Amino acid sequence: MTRQFRLKRPAEWTRFTPDDLAELEETLDVLSDPRALADIREADLAYTADNLSRRADAVRNLRR
């Protein structure tokens, strides 16, 4: 089943499958969650600063 949504101009149509719509709704949920956005920003800053825990190090730290 495909849903159609009318955009601003009458000739424009776009089609979303149910999976596309679910993914879009999930994205909107994340973008509307201040805590999730803060986590994303923090992770982005850590990545930019190359301040990341490598997987093996993270696992070792969890086992301590």
N, C-alpha and C. Protein backbone atom coordinates (compact mmCIF):
# COMPACT_ATOMS: atom_id res chain seq x y z
N MET A 1 0.84 -1.18 0.00
CA MET A 1 0.00 0.00 0.00
C MET A 1 0.89 1.24 0.00
N THR A 2 0.59 2.18 -0.86
CA THR A 2 1.35 3.41 -0.96
C THR A 2 0.43 4.58 -0.66
N ARG A 3 0.88 5.50 0.15
CA ARG A 3 0.10 6.71 0.44
C ARG A 3 0.66 7.86 -0.37
N GLN A 4 -0.20 8.74 -0.80
CA GLN A 4 0.23 9.90 -1.55
C GLN A 4 -0.04 11.15 -0.72
N PHE A 5 0.89 12.08 -0.79
CA PHE A 5 0.76 13.34 -0.07
C PHE A 5 0.92 14.47 -1.08
N ARG A 6 0.01 15.40 -1.08
CA ARG A 6 0.07 16.54 -2.00
C ARG A 6 1.01 17.59 -1.41
N LEU A 7 1.90 18.06 -2.26
CA LEU A 7 2.82 19.11 -1.84
C LEU A 7 2.26 20.48 -2.25
N LYS A 8 3.05 21.52 -2.18
CA LYS A 8 2.57 22.89 -2.40
C LYS A 8 1.99 23.12 -3.79
N ARG A 9 2.65 22.66 -4.80
CA ARG A 9 2.14 22.87 -6.16
C ARG A 9 1.27 21.69 -6.55
N PRO A 10 0.16 21.92 -7.23
CA PRO A 10 -0.79 20.85 -7.54
C PRO A 10 -0.19 19.68 -8.32
N ALA A 11 0.83 19.92 -9.14
CA ALA A 11 1.38 18.85 -9.95
C ALA A 11 2.36 17.97 -9.19
N GLU A 12 2.72 18.35 -7.98
CA GLU A 12 3.73 17.60 -7.24
C GLU A 12 3.07 16.55 -6.34
N TRP A 13 3.49 15.34 -6.51
CA TRP A 13 3.06 14.23 -5.65
C TRP A 13 4.28 13.45 -5.24
N THR A 14 4.25 12.94 -4.08
CA THR A 14 5.32 12.04 -3.65
C THR A 14 4.67 10.82 -3.03
N ARG A 15 5.31 9.69 -3.12
CA ARG A 15 4.75 8.45 -2.60
C ARG A 15 5.61 7.92 -1.46
N PHE A 16 4.94 7.50 -0.41
CA PHE A 16 5.62 6.89 0.73
C PHE A 16 5.08 5.48 0.91
N THR A 17 5.98 4.54 1.04
CA THR A 17 5.54 3.21 1.43
C THR A 17 5.32 3.25 2.94
N PRO A 18 4.63 2.27 3.50
CA PRO A 18 4.48 2.24 4.96
C PRO A 18 5.82 2.23 5.69
N ASP A 19 6.81 1.55 5.13
CA ASP A 19 8.14 1.54 5.75
C ASP A 19 8.78 2.93 5.71
N ASP A 20 8.63 3.63 4.57
CA ASP A 20 9.16 4.99 4.47
C ASP A 20 8.52 5.89 5.51
N LEU A 21 7.22 5.78 5.65
CA LEU A 21 6.49 6.60 6.61
C LEU A 21 6.94 6.29 8.04
N ALA A 22 7.13 5.01 8.36
CA ALA A 22 7.58 4.62 9.69
C ALA A 22 8.97 5.19 9.99
N GLU A 23 9.86 5.15 8.99
CA GLU A 23 11.20 5.70 9.17
C GLU A 23 11.15 7.22 9.37
N LEU A 24 10.30 7.89 8.61
CA LEU A 24 10.15 9.33 8.76
C LEU A 24 9.60 9.68 10.14
N GLU A 25 8.62 8.93 10.60
CA GLU A 25 8.05 9.18 11.93
C GLU A 25 9.09 8.95 13.02
N GLU A 26 9.91 7.92 12.86
CA GLU A 26 10.96 7.65 13.84
C GLU A 26 11.99 8.79 13.87
N THR A 27 12.35 9.28 12.69
CA THR A 27 13.28 10.41 12.61
C THR A 27 12.69 11.63 13.30
N LEU A 28 11.43 11.91 13.06
CA LEU A 28 10.77 13.05 13.70
C LEU A 28 10.72 12.88 15.21
N ASP A 29 10.50 11.65 15.68
CA ASP A 29 10.51 11.39 17.12
C ASP A 29 11.87 11.73 17.73
N VAL A 30 12.94 11.28 17.06
CA VAL A 30 14.28 11.55 17.57
C VAL A 30 14.57 13.05 17.56
N LEU A 31 14.20 13.71 16.47
CA LEU A 31 14.48 15.15 16.35
C LEU A 31 13.66 15.98 17.32
N SER A 32 12.57 15.44 17.83
CA SER A 32 11.75 16.19 18.79
C SER A 32 12.09 15.85 20.23
N ASP A 33 13.08 14.98 20.44
CA ASP A 33 13.48 14.57 21.79
C ASP A 33 14.76 15.32 22.17
N PRO A 34 14.66 16.30 23.07
CA PRO A 34 15.85 17.09 23.43
C PRO A 34 17.00 16.24 23.97
N ARG A 35 16.70 15.21 24.73
CA ARG A 35 17.77 14.36 25.29
C ARG A 35 18.48 13.59 24.18
N ALA A 36 17.72 13.08 23.23
CA ALA A 36 18.33 12.36 22.11
C ALA A 36 19.20 13.30 21.29
N LEU A 37 18.72 14.50 21.05
CA LEU A 37 19.52 15.47 20.29
C LEU A 37 20.80 15.85 21.04
N ALA A 38 20.71 15.99 22.35
CA ALA A 38 21.90 16.29 23.14
C ALA A 38 22.91 15.14 23.03
N ASP A 39 22.44 13.90 23.08
CA ASP A 39 23.32 12.75 22.93
C ASP A 39 23.99 12.73 21.56
N ILE A 40 23.21 13.05 20.53
CA ILE A 40 23.75 13.08 19.17
C ILE A 40 24.81 14.16 19.05
N ARG A 41 24.52 15.34 19.59
CA ARG A 41 25.51 16.44 19.53
C ARG A 41 26.79 16.08 20.29
N GLU A 42 26.62 15.45 21.45
CA GLU A 42 27.78 15.04 22.24
C GLU A 42 28.63 14.02 21.48
N ALA A 43 27.97 13.06 20.85
CA ALA A 43 28.69 12.05 20.08
C ALA A 43 29.38 12.68 18.87
N ASP A 44 28.72 13.63 18.24
CA ASP A 44 29.31 14.31 17.09
C ASP A 44 30.55 15.09 17.50
N LEU A 45 30.48 15.78 18.63
CA LEU A 45 31.65 16.51 19.12
C LEU A 45 32.80 15.57 19.47
N ALA A 46 32.47 14.44 20.09
CA ALA A 46 33.50 13.45 20.42
C ALA A 46 34.15 12.90 19.16
N TYR A 47 33.33 12.64 18.14
CA TYR A 47 33.87 12.13 16.88
C TYR A 47 34.77 13.18 16.23
N THR A 48 34.32 14.42 16.22
CA THR A 48 35.10 15.50 15.61
C THR A 48 36.43 15.68 16.34
N ALA A 49 36.41 15.54 17.64
CA ALA A 49 37.63 15.71 18.43
C ALA A 49 38.46 14.42 18.49
N ASP A 50 38.01 13.39 17.80
CA ASP A 50 38.65 12.07 17.81
C ASP A 50 38.80 11.56 19.24
N ASN A 51 37.78 11.83 20.03
CA ASN A 51 37.77 11.41 21.43
C ASN A 51 36.76 10.27 21.58
N LEU A 52 37.06 9.16 20.94
CA LEU A 52 36.13 8.04 20.93
C LEU A 52 36.75 6.83 21.62
N SER A 53 35.91 6.08 22.26
CA SER A 53 36.36 4.80 22.81
C SER A 53 36.27 3.77 21.69
N ARG A 54 37.31 3.05 21.51
CA ARG A 54 37.27 1.97 20.53
C ARG A 54 36.47 0.81 21.11
N ARG A 55 35.89 0.02 20.26
CA ARG A 55 35.01 -1.07 20.70
C ARG A 55 35.68 -1.98 21.72
N ALA A 56 36.88 -2.40 21.44
CA ALA A 56 37.58 -3.31 22.35
C ALA A 56 37.80 -2.64 23.72
N ASP A 57 38.17 -1.37 23.71
CA ASP A 57 38.37 -0.65 24.97
C ASP A 57 37.07 -0.50 25.74
N ALA A 58 36.00 -0.23 25.04
CA ALA A 58 34.70 -0.07 25.68
C ALA A 58 34.25 -1.38 26.33
N VAL A 59 34.47 -2.49 25.66
CA VAL A 59 34.10 -3.80 26.22
C VAL A 59 34.94 -4.10 27.45
N ARG A 60 36.24 -3.83 27.38
CA ARG A 60 37.10 -4.06 28.56
C ARG A 60 36.65 -3.22 29.73
N ASN A 61 36.28 -1.97 29.50
CA ASN A 61 35.81 -1.10 30.57
C ASN A 61 34.51 -1.58 31.19
N LEU A 62 33.65 -2.16 30.38
CA LEU A 62 32.39 -2.70 30.90
C LEU A 62 32.61 -3.90 31.81
N ARG A 63 33.65 -4.67 31.53
CA ARG A 63 33.91 -5.90 32.29
C ARG A 63 34.59 -5.61 33.62
N ARG A 64 35.09 -4.43 33.81
CA ARG A 64 35.78 -4.09 35.08
C ARG A 64 34.82 -3.86 36.19
